[in-house]
Amino acid sequence: MAWSWRYEGTDGKAVQGPAESFGSQADAESWIGQTWRELAASGVTSVALVEDDRVEYRMSLLPTAE
């Protein structure tokens, strides 16, 4: 099973991002925890964690409103 991230822009359409592949969900989540700020700065507003072709979940990279 290969885990990877799918990157989306403000319009919800796919945008380019690092083509990383991970052996476990935990490795993928650790990596996104370390790189999300750089991704957000490059225009990525949300990501989807994908196992092979199945989307496990989506997550916004935008700051929460307080």
N, C-alpha and C. Protein backbone atom coordinates (compact mmCIF):
# COMPACT_ATOMS: atom_id res chain seq x y z
N MET A 1 0.84 -1.18 0.00
CA MET A 1 0.00 0.00 0.00
C MET A 1 0.88 1.24 0.00
N ALA A 2 0.63 2.11 -0.93
CA ALA A 2 1.38 3.36 -1.02
C ALA A 2 0.48 4.53 -0.63
N TRP A 3 1.02 5.39 0.20
CA TRP A 3 0.31 6.57 0.66
C TRP A 3 0.93 7.80 0.00
N SER A 4 0.10 8.76 -0.38
CA SER A 4 0.60 10.00 -0.97
C SER A 4 -0.40 11.12 -0.70
N TRP A 5 0.02 12.33 -1.01
CA TRP A 5 -0.83 13.50 -0.83
C TRP A 5 -1.24 14.05 -2.19
N ARG A 6 -2.49 14.46 -2.31
CA ARG A 6 -3.00 15.16 -3.48
C ARG A 6 -3.19 16.62 -3.05
N TYR A 7 -2.75 17.54 -3.90
CA TYR A 7 -2.74 18.96 -3.54
C TYR A 7 -3.82 19.71 -4.32
N GLU A 8 -4.51 20.64 -3.64
CA GLU A 8 -5.58 21.42 -4.26
C GLU A 8 -5.38 22.90 -3.98
N GLY A 9 -5.81 23.73 -4.94
CA GLY A 9 -5.73 25.18 -4.81
C GLY A 9 -7.05 25.75 -4.32
N THR A 10 -7.17 27.07 -4.34
CA THR A 10 -8.36 27.74 -3.80
C THR A 10 -9.63 27.36 -4.53
N ASP A 11 -9.54 27.02 -5.81
CA ASP A 11 -10.72 26.64 -6.58
C ASP A 11 -11.06 25.16 -6.45
N GLY A 12 -10.29 24.44 -5.64
CA GLY A 12 -10.54 23.01 -5.43
C GLY A 12 -9.93 22.12 -6.50
N LYS A 13 -9.28 22.73 -7.49
CA LYS A 13 -8.67 21.95 -8.56
C LYS A 13 -7.26 21.53 -8.16
N ALA A 14 -6.81 20.46 -8.77
CA ALA A 14 -5.47 19.93 -8.48
C ALA A 14 -4.39 20.94 -8.85
N VAL A 15 -3.39 21.03 -7.99
CA VAL A 15 -2.21 21.85 -8.26
C VAL A 15 -0.98 20.97 -8.07
N GLN A 16 0.14 21.41 -8.62
CA GLN A 16 1.38 20.66 -8.51
C GLN A 16 1.93 20.73 -7.10
N GLY A 17 2.53 19.65 -6.67
CA GLY A 17 3.19 19.58 -5.38
C GLY A 17 4.22 18.47 -5.41
N PRO A 18 4.96 18.29 -4.34
CA PRO A 18 5.98 17.25 -4.29
C PRO A 18 5.38 15.85 -4.53
N ALA A 19 6.01 15.07 -5.35
CA ALA A 19 5.55 13.71 -5.65
C ALA A 19 6.19 12.74 -4.67
N GLU A 20 5.74 12.79 -3.44
CA GLU A 20 6.27 11.92 -2.38
C GLU A 20 5.36 10.70 -2.22
N SER A 21 5.95 9.57 -1.88
CA SER A 21 5.21 8.35 -1.61
C SER A 21 5.71 7.79 -0.28
N PHE A 22 4.79 7.25 0.51
CA PHE A 22 5.11 6.81 1.87
C PHE A 22 4.63 5.39 2.08
N GLY A 23 5.34 4.66 2.94
CA GLY A 23 4.99 3.28 3.23
C GLY A 23 3.87 3.14 4.24
N SER A 24 3.58 4.20 4.98
CA SER A 24 2.51 4.12 5.98
C SER A 24 1.78 5.46 6.09
N GLN A 25 0.58 5.41 6.63
CA GLN A 25 -0.19 6.62 6.87
C GLN A 25 0.55 7.52 7.85
N ALA A 26 1.15 6.94 8.87
CA ALA A 26 1.87 7.73 9.88
C ALA A 26 3.04 8.49 9.26
N ASP A 27 3.76 7.86 8.34
CA ASP A 27 4.87 8.55 7.67
C ASP A 27 4.37 9.72 6.84
N ALA A 28 3.27 9.51 6.12
CA ALA A 28 2.69 10.57 5.30
C ALA A 28 2.23 11.73 6.17
N GLU A 29 1.60 11.43 7.30
CA GLU A 29 1.10 12.49 8.19
C GLU A 29 2.26 13.23 8.86
N SER A 30 3.30 12.54 9.19
CA SER A 30 4.48 13.19 9.77
C SER A 30 5.09 14.16 8.76
N TRP A 31 5.19 13.73 7.52
CA TRP A 31 5.77 14.57 6.46
C TRP A 31 4.92 15.83 6.25
N ILE A 32 3.61 15.69 6.19
CA ILE A 32 2.76 16.87 5.94
C ILE A 32 2.84 17.81 7.14
N GLY A 33 3.01 17.27 8.33
CA GLY A 33 3.18 18.10 9.52
C GLY A 33 4.42 18.96 9.47
N GLN A 34 5.43 18.49 8.76
CA GLN A 34 6.68 19.22 8.64
C GLN A 34 6.70 20.19 7.45
N THR A 35 5.85 19.96 6.44
CA THR A 35 5.95 20.74 5.20
C THR A 35 4.72 21.56 4.86
N TRP A 36 3.66 21.51 5.67
CA TRP A 36 2.42 22.18 5.28
C TRP A 36 2.60 23.69 5.11
N ARG A 37 3.44 24.32 5.89
CA ARG A 37 3.62 25.77 5.77
C ARG A 37 4.21 26.14 4.40
N GLU A 38 5.19 25.39 3.94
CA GLU A 38 5.78 25.64 2.63
C GLU A 38 4.76 25.39 1.52
N LEU A 39 3.97 24.34 1.67
CA LEU A 39 2.93 24.06 0.68
C LEU A 39 1.91 25.20 0.62
N ALA A 40 1.46 25.66 1.79
CA ALA A 40 0.49 26.75 1.84
C ALA A 40 1.07 28.02 1.22
N ALA A 41 2.34 28.29 1.46
CA ALA A 41 2.98 29.47 0.90
C ALA A 41 3.08 29.39 -0.62
N SER A 42 3.10 28.17 -1.16
CA SER A 42 3.18 28.00 -2.61
C SER A 42 1.82 27.95 -3.30
N GLY A 43 0.73 28.13 -2.52
CA GLY A 43 -0.61 28.18 -3.12
C GLY A 43 -1.48 26.97 -2.88
N VAL A 44 -0.98 25.97 -2.18
CA VAL A 44 -1.80 24.80 -1.85
C VAL A 44 -2.71 25.18 -0.68
N THR A 45 -4.02 25.03 -0.85
CA THR A 45 -4.94 25.41 0.22
C THR A 45 -5.55 24.20 0.93
N SER A 46 -5.49 23.03 0.29
CA SER A 46 -5.96 21.81 0.95
C SER A 46 -5.23 20.61 0.36
N VAL A 47 -5.24 19.53 1.12
CA VAL A 47 -4.59 18.29 0.70
C VAL A 47 -5.54 17.12 0.96
N ALA A 48 -5.33 16.06 0.20
CA ALA A 48 -6.08 14.82 0.42
C ALA A 48 -5.07 13.71 0.59
N LEU A 49 -5.22 12.93 1.65
CA LEU A 49 -4.36 11.77 1.87
C LEU A 49 -4.95 10.60 1.08
N VAL A 50 -4.11 10.02 0.22
CA VAL A 50 -4.58 8.98 -0.70
C VAL A 50 -3.79 7.69 -0.46
N GLU A 51 -4.52 6.60 -0.32
CA GLU A 51 -3.90 5.27 -0.25
C GLU A 51 -4.22 4.59 -1.58
N ASP A 52 -3.20 4.38 -2.39
CA ASP A 52 -3.37 3.91 -3.76
C ASP A 52 -4.31 4.88 -4.47
N ASP A 53 -5.56 4.52 -4.75
CA ASP A 53 -6.52 5.45 -5.40
C ASP A 53 -7.64 5.88 -4.46
N ARG A 54 -7.63 5.42 -3.22
CA ARG A 54 -8.70 5.73 -2.28
C ARG A 54 -8.32 6.92 -1.41
N VAL A 55 -9.23 7.91 -1.33
CA VAL A 55 -9.00 9.08 -0.48
C VAL A 55 -9.37 8.72 0.95
N GLU A 56 -8.38 8.82 1.85
CA GLU A 56 -8.62 8.56 3.28
C GLU A 56 -9.31 9.75 3.94
N TYR A 57 -8.79 10.96 3.70
CA TYR A 57 -9.43 12.19 4.20
C TYR A 57 -8.84 13.40 3.51
N ARG A 58 -9.55 14.53 3.62
CA ARG A 58 -9.09 15.83 3.12
C ARG A 58 -8.84 16.74 4.31
N MET A 59 -7.92 17.71 4.11
CA MET A 59 -7.60 18.62 5.19
C MET A 59 -7.22 19.97 4.60
N SER A 60 -7.74 21.03 5.21
CA SER A 60 -7.39 22.38 4.78
C SER A 60 -6.04 22.78 5.34
N LEU A 61 -5.31 23.58 4.58
CA LEU A 61 -4.05 24.16 5.07
C LEU A 61 -4.22 25.64 5.42
N LEU A 62 -5.44 26.13 5.29
CA LEU A 62 -5.70 27.53 5.62
C LEU A 62 -5.83 27.71 7.12
N PRO A 63 -5.43 28.88 7.63
CA PRO A 63 -5.58 29.13 9.07
C PRO A 63 -7.06 29.17 9.46
N THR A 64 -7.34 28.73 10.67
CA THR A 64 -8.72 28.76 11.15
C THR A 64 -9.08 30.18 11.57
N ALA A 65 -10.35 30.52 11.37
CA ALA A 65 -10.84 31.84 11.78
C ALA A 65 -11.06 31.84 13.28
N GLU A 66 -10.64 32.90 13.92
CA GLU A 66 -10.83 32.98 15.39
C GLU A 66 -11.83 34.03 15.75
